[in-house]
Amino acid sequence: MKTTAVNISDKELLELCGSGNNSGYSVLYQRYSKAAFNSIFRLVNDREEAEDILQEVFVKAFSEIKSLKNTDSFGGWVKRIAINHALNFLRKKKIYFAEIEDDKMLDTKDDELEEKLDLEFRIEELQNVIAELPLQIRTIVNLFLFENMPQEEIAKELNIPPGTVRSYYHRAKKKIFEKLTQKCKNERFA
């Protein structure tokens, strides 16, 4: 039986997997591996490590596929496994997040800063600047901006207070804005 990724639903692919048809696994991998890889890579910032983690993610997903209750959420389930594996990798690398006091956040112009970032800079430049940030800050920014994870959930996953997540994110926005502004100035004078 030939399957095409365009014409078959995740539910049907999961049924193929359940019946032992390997094409179901193949199409699911093709459909979701790129998004999972991108999520992993943004967190670990190392292509080889991200590729290794991606393989672990799909081995786990495919071995536990029968435990998936909502077959319509396979993509989200795989992405969640990917993020958890990437965070576990960071924990094994002994990446620690220090607590930051909430009262040290003084800048109240967050809305202006976000508007400037949205209007003045392309997403690729933003991703390049984020990749240059220290690992702890980059992790929080990527989880919040690209994985749409609420700050409270990030705090829980990283085992740090929500105020620390907010502080790291606030500092990251300032650093990102400064770097992008400097980059823009340099390009104007080049």
N, C-alpha and C. Protein backbone atom coordinates (compact mmCIF):
# COMPACT_ATOMS: atom_id res chain seq x y z
N MET A 1 0.83 -1.19 0.00
CA MET A 1 0.00 0.00 0.00
C MET A 1 0.87 1.24 0.00
N LYS A 2 0.74 2.08 -0.96
CA LYS A 2 1.50 3.33 -1.03
C LYS A 2 0.73 4.42 -0.31
N THR A 3 1.44 5.18 0.49
CA THR A 3 0.80 6.30 1.18
C THR A 3 1.48 7.59 0.77
N THR A 4 0.70 8.64 0.69
CA THR A 4 1.29 9.95 0.43
C THR A 4 1.02 10.82 1.63
N ALA A 5 2.02 11.59 2.00
CA ALA A 5 1.93 12.42 3.20
C ALA A 5 0.81 13.43 3.09
N VAL A 6 0.47 13.85 1.91
CA VAL A 6 -0.53 14.89 1.73
C VAL A 6 -1.94 14.34 1.94
N ASN A 7 -2.19 13.13 1.51
CA ASN A 7 -3.55 12.60 1.47
C ASN A 7 -3.95 11.76 2.67
N ILE A 8 -3.09 11.61 3.63
CA ILE A 8 -3.42 10.71 4.73
C ILE A 8 -3.28 11.45 6.07
N SER A 9 -4.22 11.23 6.94
CA SER A 9 -4.22 11.92 8.24
C SER A 9 -3.27 11.23 9.21
N ASP A 10 -2.94 11.94 10.28
CA ASP A 10 -2.10 11.35 11.33
C ASP A 10 -2.79 10.12 11.93
N LYS A 11 -4.08 10.22 12.11
CA LYS A 11 -4.82 9.10 12.68
C LYS A 11 -4.66 7.85 11.82
N GLU A 12 -4.78 8.02 10.51
CA GLU A 12 -4.61 6.88 9.60
C GLU A 12 -3.18 6.36 9.63
N LEU A 13 -2.22 7.27 9.72
CA LEU A 13 -0.82 6.85 9.80
C LEU A 13 -0.56 6.07 11.09
N LEU A 14 -1.15 6.52 12.17
CA LEU A 14 -0.98 5.82 13.44
C LEU A 14 -1.63 4.44 13.39
N GLU A 15 -2.74 4.33 12.68
CA GLU A 15 -3.36 3.02 12.49
C GLU A 15 -2.45 2.10 11.68
N LEU A 16 -1.79 2.67 10.66
CA LEU A 16 -0.83 1.88 9.88
C LEU A 16 0.30 1.38 10.79
N CYS A 17 0.78 2.27 11.65
CA CYS A 17 1.84 1.88 12.58
C CYS A 17 1.37 0.75 13.48
N GLY A 18 0.14 0.88 13.97
CA GLY A 18 -0.42 -0.14 14.84
C GLY A 18 -0.57 -1.49 14.17
N SER A 19 -0.76 -1.48 12.85
CA SER A 19 -0.91 -2.74 12.13
C SER A 19 0.44 -3.28 11.63
N GLY A 20 1.52 -2.59 11.99
CA GLY A 20 2.86 -3.07 11.63
C GLY A 20 3.35 -2.59 10.28
N ASN A 21 2.65 -1.65 9.66
CA ASN A 21 3.07 -1.12 8.36
C ASN A 21 4.09 0.00 8.58
N ASN A 22 5.34 -0.23 8.17
CA ASN A 22 6.42 0.72 8.40
C ASN A 22 6.25 2.04 7.66
N SER A 23 5.44 2.07 6.61
CA SER A 23 5.26 3.32 5.87
C SER A 23 4.59 4.38 6.75
N GLY A 24 3.79 3.95 7.72
CA GLY A 24 3.18 4.90 8.66
C GLY A 24 4.24 5.63 9.47
N TYR A 25 5.23 4.88 9.96
CA TYR A 25 6.32 5.49 10.71
C TYR A 25 7.12 6.44 9.83
N SER A 26 7.40 6.00 8.63
CA SER A 26 8.19 6.80 7.71
C SER A 26 7.53 8.14 7.40
N VAL A 27 6.25 8.11 7.11
CA VAL A 27 5.54 9.35 6.77
C VAL A 27 5.45 10.25 7.99
N LEU A 28 5.19 9.69 9.16
CA LEU A 28 5.14 10.50 10.38
C LEU A 28 6.49 11.16 10.64
N TYR A 29 7.56 10.41 10.43
CA TYR A 29 8.90 10.97 10.62
C TYR A 29 9.13 12.12 9.63
N GLN A 30 8.80 11.89 8.37
CA GLN A 30 8.98 12.93 7.35
C GLN A 30 8.15 14.17 7.69
N ARG A 31 6.97 13.96 8.19
CA ARG A 31 6.05 15.05 8.47
C ARG A 31 6.50 15.90 9.66
N TYR A 32 7.08 15.29 10.69
CA TYR A 32 7.34 16.02 11.93
C TYR A 32 8.81 16.16 12.33
N SER A 33 9.72 15.53 11.62
CA SER A 33 11.12 15.56 12.04
C SER A 33 11.74 16.96 11.91
N LYS A 34 11.39 17.70 10.88
CA LYS A 34 12.00 19.02 10.70
C LYS A 34 11.60 19.97 11.83
N ALA A 35 10.32 20.00 12.18
CA ALA A 35 9.87 20.87 13.27
C ALA A 35 10.51 20.46 14.59
N ALA A 36 10.59 19.16 14.84
CA ALA A 36 11.20 18.67 16.07
C ALA A 36 12.68 19.03 16.10
N PHE A 37 13.36 18.84 14.97
CA PHE A 37 14.78 19.19 14.89
C PHE A 37 14.99 20.67 15.18
N ASN A 38 14.18 21.52 14.57
CA ASN A 38 14.32 22.96 14.79
C ASN A 38 14.15 23.33 16.26
N SER A 39 13.19 22.70 16.93
CA SER A 39 12.98 22.96 18.35
C SER A 39 14.21 22.53 19.16
N ILE A 40 14.73 21.38 18.84
CA ILE A 40 15.91 20.86 19.56
C ILE A 40 17.12 21.74 19.29
N PHE A 41 17.35 22.06 18.02
CA PHE A 41 18.54 22.82 17.65
C PHE A 41 18.55 24.21 18.28
N ARG A 42 17.39 24.84 18.34
CA ARG A 42 17.33 26.17 18.97
C ARG A 42 17.76 26.11 20.43
N LEU A 43 17.52 24.99 21.08
CA LEU A 43 17.89 24.87 22.49
C LEU A 43 19.33 24.43 22.69
N VAL A 44 19.80 23.44 21.93
CA VAL A 44 21.15 22.91 22.17
C VAL A 44 22.22 23.61 21.33
N ASN A 45 21.82 24.23 20.22
CA ASN A 45 22.72 25.02 19.37
C ASN A 45 23.93 24.24 18.86
N ASP A 46 23.74 22.96 18.63
CA ASP A 46 24.79 22.10 18.09
C ASP A 46 24.11 21.09 17.16
N ARG A 47 24.45 21.15 15.88
CA ARG A 47 23.77 20.34 14.88
C ARG A 47 23.89 18.85 15.15
N GLU A 48 25.08 18.37 15.45
CA GLU A 48 25.27 16.93 15.68
C GLU A 48 24.49 16.45 16.90
N GLU A 49 24.56 17.22 17.98
CA GLU A 49 23.81 16.86 19.18
C GLU A 49 22.31 16.87 18.89
N ALA A 50 21.85 17.88 18.14
CA ALA A 50 20.43 17.99 17.80
C ALA A 50 19.99 16.79 16.97
N GLU A 51 20.83 16.34 16.04
CA GLU A 51 20.49 15.17 15.22
C GLU A 51 20.40 13.91 16.08
N ASP A 52 21.33 13.77 17.03
CA ASP A 52 21.30 12.62 17.93
C ASP A 52 20.03 12.64 18.79
N ILE A 53 19.73 13.80 19.32
CA ILE A 53 18.53 13.93 20.15
C ILE A 53 17.29 13.65 19.33
N LEU A 54 17.24 14.13 18.10
CA LEU A 54 16.09 13.88 17.23
C LEU A 54 15.85 12.39 17.07
N GLN A 55 16.90 11.63 16.87
CA GLN A 55 16.74 10.18 16.72
C GLN A 55 16.18 9.57 18.00
N GLU A 56 16.68 10.03 19.15
CA GLU A 56 16.17 9.54 20.43
C GLU A 56 14.69 9.87 20.59
N VAL A 57 14.31 11.06 20.14
CA VAL A 57 12.92 11.51 20.25
C VAL A 57 12.00 10.57 19.48
N PHE A 58 12.37 10.26 18.24
CA PHE A 58 11.50 9.40 17.44
C PHE A 58 11.53 7.95 17.89
N VAL A 59 12.66 7.49 18.42
CA VAL A 59 12.69 6.15 18.99
C VAL A 59 11.70 6.08 20.16
N LYS A 60 11.74 7.10 21.01
CA LYS A 60 10.82 7.13 22.15
C LYS A 60 9.37 7.24 21.67
N ALA A 61 9.12 8.17 20.75
CA ALA A 61 7.75 8.38 20.27
C ALA A 61 7.20 7.11 19.64
N PHE A 62 7.98 6.47 18.80
CA PHE A 62 7.49 5.28 18.11
C PHE A 62 7.37 4.08 19.07
N SER A 63 8.21 4.03 20.09
CA SER A 63 8.10 2.92 21.03
C SER A 63 6.92 3.12 21.99
N GLU A 64 6.51 4.36 22.18
CA GLU A 64 5.40 4.66 23.09
C GLU A 64 4.15 5.12 22.34
N ILE A 65 4.11 4.86 21.06
CA ILE A 65 3.02 5.36 20.22
C ILE A 65 1.64 4.88 20.68
N LYS A 66 1.59 3.71 21.29
CA LYS A 66 0.31 3.17 21.74
C LYS A 66 -0.23 3.92 22.96
N SER A 67 0.65 4.66 23.65
CA SER A 67 0.20 5.41 24.83
C SER A 67 -0.42 6.76 24.44
N LEU A 68 -0.31 7.15 23.18
CA LEU A 68 -0.88 8.42 22.71
C LEU A 68 -2.40 8.30 22.69
N LYS A 69 -3.04 9.13 23.49
CA LYS A 69 -4.49 9.05 23.62
C LYS A 69 -5.22 9.83 22.53
N ASN A 70 -4.73 11.00 22.19
CA ASN A 70 -5.36 11.83 21.17
C ASN A 70 -4.55 11.75 19.89
N THR A 71 -5.00 10.96 18.95
CA THR A 71 -4.24 10.73 17.73
C THR A 71 -4.13 11.98 16.86
N ASP A 72 -4.95 12.96 17.12
CA ASP A 72 -4.86 14.20 16.34
C ASP A 72 -3.75 15.12 16.83
N SER A 73 -3.12 14.78 17.94
CA SER A 73 -2.09 15.65 18.50
C SER A 73 -0.69 15.04 18.41
N PHE A 74 -0.46 14.17 17.46
CA PHE A 74 0.84 13.52 17.34
C PHE A 74 1.97 14.53 17.20
N GLY A 75 1.79 15.53 16.35
CA GLY A 75 2.84 16.54 16.12
C GLY A 75 3.20 17.28 17.39
N GLY A 76 2.21 17.69 18.15
CA GLY A 76 2.46 18.39 19.41
C GLY A 76 3.12 17.48 20.44
N TRP A 77 2.71 16.22 20.44
CA TRP A 77 3.28 15.24 21.35
C TRP A 77 4.76 15.03 21.05
N VAL A 78 5.10 14.89 19.77
CA VAL A 78 6.50 14.70 19.38
C VAL A 78 7.32 15.94 19.72
N LYS A 79 6.75 17.11 19.48
CA LYS A 79 7.47 18.35 19.79
C LYS A 79 7.73 18.46 21.28
N ARG A 80 6.78 18.06 22.09
CA ARG A 80 6.95 18.09 23.54
C ARG A 80 8.05 17.12 23.97
N ILE A 81 8.07 15.93 23.38
CA ILE A 81 9.15 14.97 23.67
C ILE A 81 10.49 15.57 23.27
N ALA A 82 10.53 16.24 22.12
CA ALA A 82 11.77 16.86 21.62
C ALA A 82 12.27 17.92 22.60
N ILE A 83 11.38 18.78 23.06
CA ILE A 83 11.78 19.82 24.00
C ILE A 83 12.27 19.20 25.30
N ASN A 84 11.57 18.20 25.80
CA ASN A 84 11.99 17.54 27.04
C ASN A 84 13.36 16.89 26.89
N HIS A 85 13.60 16.23 25.75
CA HIS A 85 14.91 15.60 25.54
C HIS A 85 16.01 16.66 25.45
N ALA A 86 15.73 17.77 24.78
CA ALA A 86 16.72 18.85 24.67
C ALA A 86 17.02 19.44 26.05
N LEU A 87 15.99 19.65 26.84
CA LEU A 87 16.20 20.17 28.20
C LEU A 87 16.98 19.18 29.05
N ASN A 88 16.69 17.89 28.91
CA ASN A 88 17.45 16.86 29.64
C ASN A 88 18.91 16.88 29.23
N PHE A 89 19.16 17.08 27.94
CA PHE A 89 20.54 17.18 27.43
C PHE A 89 21.25 18.35 28.12
N LEU A 90 20.56 19.49 28.20
CA LEU A 90 21.17 20.66 28.84
C LEU A 90 21.43 20.39 30.32
N ARG A 91 20.52 19.70 30.98
CA ARG A 91 20.71 19.36 32.40
C ARG A 91 21.94 18.46 32.57
N LYS A 92 22.10 17.50 31.67
CA LYS A 92 23.26 16.60 31.75
C LYS A 92 24.56 17.36 31.52
N LYS A 93 24.48 18.44 30.77
CA LYS A 93 25.66 19.27 30.52
C LYS A 93 25.93 20.21 31.69
N LYS A 94 25.11 20.06 32.74
CA LYS A 94 25.26 20.85 33.97
C LYS A 94 25.02 22.34 33.71
N ILE A 95 24.01 22.63 32.91
CA ILE A 95 23.63 24.02 32.69
C ILE A 95 22.70 24.42 33.83
N TYR A 96 23.11 25.39 34.60
CA TYR A 96 22.32 25.81 35.75
C TYR A 96 21.80 27.22 35.54
N PHE A 97 20.67 27.48 36.11
CA PHE A 97 20.04 28.79 36.04
C PHE A 97 20.05 29.38 37.44
N ALA A 98 20.68 30.53 37.59
CA ALA A 98 20.73 31.19 38.88
C ALA A 98 19.45 32.01 39.08
N GLU A 99 19.02 32.10 40.33
CA GLU A 99 17.84 32.91 40.61
C GLU A 99 18.19 34.38 40.50
N ILE A 100 17.24 35.14 39.99
CA ILE A 100 17.40 36.59 39.87
C ILE A 100 16.23 37.22 40.61
N GLU A 101 16.52 38.21 41.40
CA GLU A 101 15.45 38.88 42.15
C GLU A 101 14.58 39.69 41.21
N ASP A 102 13.26 39.58 41.38
CA ASP A 102 12.27 40.30 40.57
C ASP A 102 12.44 41.81 40.65
N ASP A 103 12.84 42.32 41.81
CA ASP A 103 12.89 43.77 41.97
C ASP A 103 14.04 44.42 41.22
N LYS A 104 14.90 43.62 40.59
CA LYS A 104 16.01 44.17 39.82
C LYS A 104 15.60 44.51 38.39
N MET A 105 14.36 44.23 38.04
CA MET A 105 13.87 44.55 36.70
C MET A 105 13.30 45.95 36.75
N LEU A 106 14.00 46.90 36.15
CA LEU A 106 13.61 48.29 36.27
C LEU A 106 12.98 48.86 35.01
N ASP A 107 13.36 48.39 33.84
CA ASP A 107 12.90 48.98 32.58
C ASP A 107 11.42 48.68 32.37
N THR A 108 10.64 49.70 32.10
CA THR A 108 9.21 49.53 31.91
C THR A 108 8.80 49.71 30.45
N LYS A 109 9.75 49.79 29.55
CA LYS A 109 9.45 50.05 28.15
C LYS A 109 9.42 48.77 27.31
N ASP A 110 8.98 47.67 27.89
CA ASP A 110 8.95 46.39 27.18
C ASP A 110 8.10 46.45 25.92
N ASP A 111 6.94 47.10 25.99
CA ASP A 111 6.06 47.17 24.82
C ASP A 111 6.75 47.89 23.67
N GLU A 112 7.42 49.00 23.98
CA GLU A 112 8.14 49.74 22.94
C GLU A 112 9.24 48.88 22.34
N LEU A 113 9.95 48.18 23.18
CA LEU A 113 11.05 47.34 22.73
C LEU A 113 10.54 46.23 21.80
N GLU A 114 9.46 45.57 22.18
CA GLU A 114 8.90 44.51 21.33
C GLU A 114 8.43 45.05 19.99
N GLU A 115 7.81 46.22 19.99
CA GLU A 115 7.35 46.83 18.73
C GLU A 115 8.54 47.14 17.83
N LYS A 116 9.60 47.68 18.41
CA LYS A 116 10.78 47.99 17.61
C LYS A 116 11.39 46.72 17.02
N LEU A 117 11.46 45.67 17.84
CA LEU A 117 12.02 44.41 17.34
C LEU A 117 11.17 43.85 16.20
N ASP A 118 9.85 43.89 16.38
CA ASP A 118 8.95 43.37 15.36
C ASP A 118 9.04 44.16 14.05
N LEU A 119 9.16 45.47 14.16
CA LEU A 119 9.12 46.31 12.97
C LEU A 119 10.46 46.44 12.26
N GLU A 120 11.55 46.45 12.99
CA GLU A 120 12.83 46.81 12.40
C GLU A 120 13.70 45.65 11.94
N PHE A 121 13.45 44.45 12.43
CA PHE A 121 14.40 43.38 12.15
C PHE A 121 13.73 42.12 11.63
N ARG A 122 14.42 41.47 10.75
CA ARG A 122 13.91 40.21 10.21
C ARG A 122 14.16 39.07 11.18
N ILE A 123 13.37 38.01 11.03
CA ILE A 123 13.44 36.88 11.95
C ILE A 123 14.80 36.17 11.89
N GLU A 124 15.41 36.13 10.73
CA GLU A 124 16.71 35.46 10.62
C GLU A 124 17.78 36.18 11.44
N GLU A 125 17.78 37.49 11.38
CA GLU A 125 18.73 38.26 12.18
C GLU A 125 18.48 38.03 13.67
N LEU A 126 17.23 37.99 14.03
CA LEU A 126 16.86 37.75 15.41
C LEU A 126 17.36 36.39 15.88
N GLN A 127 17.17 35.37 15.06
CA GLN A 127 17.62 34.03 15.44
C GLN A 127 19.14 33.97 15.57
N ASN A 128 19.85 34.68 14.69
CA ASN A 128 21.31 34.69 14.78
C ASN A 128 21.78 35.35 16.07
N VAL A 129 21.13 36.44 16.45
CA VAL A 129 21.49 37.12 17.68
C VAL A 129 21.15 36.25 18.89
N ILE A 130 20.00 35.59 18.86
CA ILE A 130 19.62 34.71 19.96
C ILE A 130 20.63 33.58 20.10
N ALA A 131 21.11 33.06 18.99
CA ALA A 131 22.09 31.96 19.03
C ALA A 131 23.39 32.39 19.71
N GLU A 132 23.68 33.68 19.72
CA GLU A 132 24.90 34.18 20.35
C GLU A 132 24.76 34.40 21.86
N LEU A 133 23.54 34.35 22.37
CA LEU A 133 23.31 34.58 23.80
C LEU A 133 23.86 33.43 24.63
N PRO A 134 24.16 33.69 25.90
CA PRO A 134 24.57 32.59 26.79
C PRO A 134 23.46 31.52 26.83
N LEU A 135 23.85 30.31 27.05
CA LEU A 135 22.95 29.16 26.95
C LEU A 135 21.70 29.29 27.82
N GLN A 136 21.85 29.75 29.06
CA GLN A 136 20.70 29.85 29.94
C GLN A 136 19.67 30.82 29.38
N ILE A 137 20.14 31.97 28.94
CA ILE A 137 19.24 32.99 28.41
C ILE A 137 18.63 32.51 27.10
N ARG A 138 19.45 31.93 26.23
CA ARG A 138 18.97 31.43 24.93
C ARG A 138 17.89 30.37 25.11
N THR A 139 18.06 29.51 26.10
CA THR A 139 17.07 28.46 26.36
C THR A 139 15.72 29.07 26.69
N ILE A 140 15.70 30.02 27.59
CA ILE A 140 14.44 30.65 28.00
C ILE A 140 13.81 31.40 26.83
N VAL A 141 14.60 32.15 26.09
CA VAL A 141 14.06 32.91 24.95
C VAL A 141 13.47 31.96 23.91
N ASN A 142 14.17 30.90 23.58
CA ASN A 142 13.67 29.96 22.57
C ASN A 142 12.40 29.26 23.03
N LEU A 143 12.36 28.86 24.28
CA LEU A 143 11.15 28.20 24.77
C LEU A 143 9.96 29.15 24.74
N PHE A 144 10.19 30.39 25.12
CA PHE A 144 9.10 31.35 25.17
C PHE A 144 8.67 31.83 23.79
N LEU A 145 9.64 32.26 22.97
CA LEU A 145 9.30 32.83 21.67
C LEU A 145 8.93 31.80 20.61
N PHE A 146 9.72 30.74 20.50
CA PHE A 146 9.55 29.82 19.39
C PHE A 146 8.73 28.59 19.74
N GLU A 147 8.71 28.21 21.01
CA GLU A 147 7.93 27.04 21.42
C GLU A 147 6.62 27.45 22.09
N ASN A 148 6.41 28.76 22.21
CA ASN A 148 5.17 29.30 22.81
C ASN A 148 4.87 28.71 24.18
N MET A 149 5.91 28.47 24.94
CA MET A 149 5.74 27.90 26.27
C MET A 149 5.56 29.05 27.27
N PRO A 150 4.52 29.01 28.09
CA PRO A 150 4.32 30.07 29.09
C PRO A 150 5.49 30.14 30.07
N GLN A 151 5.75 31.33 30.57
CA GLN A 151 6.88 31.51 31.48
C GLN A 151 6.77 30.63 32.72
N GLU A 152 5.55 30.41 33.21
CA GLU A 152 5.38 29.56 34.39
C GLU A 152 5.78 28.12 34.09
N GLU A 153 5.46 27.65 32.88
CA GLU A 153 5.83 26.29 32.49
C GLU A 153 7.35 26.18 32.30
N ILE A 154 7.95 27.22 31.74
CA ILE A 154 9.41 27.24 31.59
C ILE A 154 10.06 27.14 32.97
N ALA A 155 9.54 27.91 33.91
CA ALA A 155 10.08 27.88 35.27
C ALA A 155 10.00 26.47 35.86
N LYS A 156 8.86 25.83 35.65
CA LYS A 156 8.66 24.47 36.17
C LYS A 156 9.65 23.50 35.51
N GLU A 157 9.78 23.59 34.18
CA GLU A 157 10.68 22.68 33.46
C GLU A 157 12.13 22.86 33.87
N LEU A 158 12.54 24.12 34.12
CA LEU A 158 13.93 24.41 34.45
C LEU A 158 14.17 24.41 35.96
N ASN A 159 13.10 24.20 36.73
CA ASN A 159 13.20 24.15 38.18
C ASN A 159 13.77 25.44 38.77
N ILE A 160 13.23 26.57 38.27
CA ILE A 160 13.61 27.88 38.78
C ILE A 160 12.33 28.69 39.01
N PRO A 161 12.40 29.73 39.83
CA PRO A 161 11.21 30.54 40.08
C PRO A 161 10.75 31.29 38.83
N PRO A 162 9.45 31.51 38.68
CA PRO A 162 8.93 32.27 37.53
C PRO A 162 9.55 33.66 37.41
N GLY A 163 9.86 34.29 38.53
CA GLY A 163 10.50 35.61 38.49
C GLY A 163 11.86 35.55 37.83
N THR A 164 12.57 34.46 38.02
CA THR A 164 13.88 34.30 37.39
C THR A 164 13.72 34.17 35.88
N VAL A 165 12.71 33.44 35.45
CA VAL A 165 12.44 33.32 34.01
C VAL A 165 12.15 34.70 33.43
N ARG A 166 11.29 35.45 34.12
CA ARG A 166 10.96 36.80 33.64
C ARG A 166 12.20 37.68 33.58
N SER A 167 13.07 37.59 34.59
CA SER A 167 14.29 38.39 34.62
C SER A 167 15.22 38.03 33.48
N TYR A 168 15.44 36.72 33.28
CA TYR A 168 16.28 36.29 32.17
C TYR A 168 15.70 36.77 30.84
N TYR A 169 14.41 36.62 30.68
CA TYR A 169 13.77 37.03 29.42
C TYR A 169 13.88 38.53 29.23
N HIS A 170 13.68 39.29 30.27
CA HIS A 170 13.78 40.74 30.20
C HIS A 170 15.20 41.16 29.81
N ARG A 171 16.18 40.56 30.44
CA ARG A 171 17.58 40.87 30.11
C ARG A 171 17.90 40.46 28.67
N ALA A 172 17.36 39.33 28.26
CA ALA A 172 17.60 38.87 26.89
C ALA A 172 17.05 39.86 25.88
N LYS A 173 15.85 40.35 26.11
CA LYS A 173 15.25 41.32 25.19
C LYS A 173 16.13 42.55 25.06
N LYS A 174 16.67 43.01 26.18
CA LYS A 174 17.54 44.18 26.13
C LYS A 174 18.81 43.89 25.33
N LYS A 175 19.41 42.71 25.59
CA LYS A 175 20.63 42.35 24.86
C LYS A 175 20.35 42.19 23.37
N ILE A 176 19.24 41.55 23.05
CA ILE A 176 18.88 41.34 21.65
C ILE A 176 18.69 42.68 20.96
N PHE A 177 17.97 43.58 21.60
CA PHE A 177 17.73 44.89 21.03
C PHE A 177 19.04 45.64 20.82
N GLU A 178 19.91 45.60 21.81
CA GLU A 178 21.21 46.28 21.70
C GLU A 178 22.02 45.71 20.54
N LYS A 179 22.08 44.38 20.44
CA LYS A 179 22.87 43.76 19.38
C LYS A 179 22.29 44.06 18.00
N LEU A 180 20.97 43.99 17.88
CA LEU A 180 20.35 44.25 16.59
C LEU A 180 20.48 45.72 16.21
N THR A 181 20.39 46.61 17.18
CA THR A 181 20.56 48.04 16.91
C THR A 181 21.99 48.30 16.45
N GLN A 182 22.95 47.70 17.12
CA GLN A 182 24.37 47.87 16.74
C GLN A 182 24.60 47.31 15.34
N LYS A 183 24.04 46.16 15.06
CA LYS A 183 24.17 45.54 13.75
C LYS A 183 23.60 46.45 12.67
N CYS A 184 22.46 47.04 12.95
CA CYS A 184 21.81 47.95 12.01
C CYS A 184 22.68 49.18 11.77
N LYS A 185 23.26 49.74 12.84
CA LYS A 185 24.15 50.90 12.70
C LYS A 185 25.37 50.54 11.86
N ASN A 186 25.93 49.38 12.13
CA ASN A 186 27.12 48.94 11.38
C ASN A 186 26.82 48.78 9.90
N GLU A 187 25.63 48.27 9.58
CA GLU A 187 25.25 48.08 8.18
C GLU A 187 25.06 49.42 7.47
N ARG A 188 24.56 50.41 8.20
CA ARG A 188 24.34 51.74 7.60
C ARG A 188 25.66 52.40 7.24
N PHE A 189 26.69 52.17 8.07
CA PHE A 189 27.96 52.83 7.85
C PHE A 189 28.92 51.99 7.00
N ALA A 190 28.50 50.81 6.62
CA ALA A 190 29.37 49.92 5.83
C ALA A 190 29.36 50.32 4.37
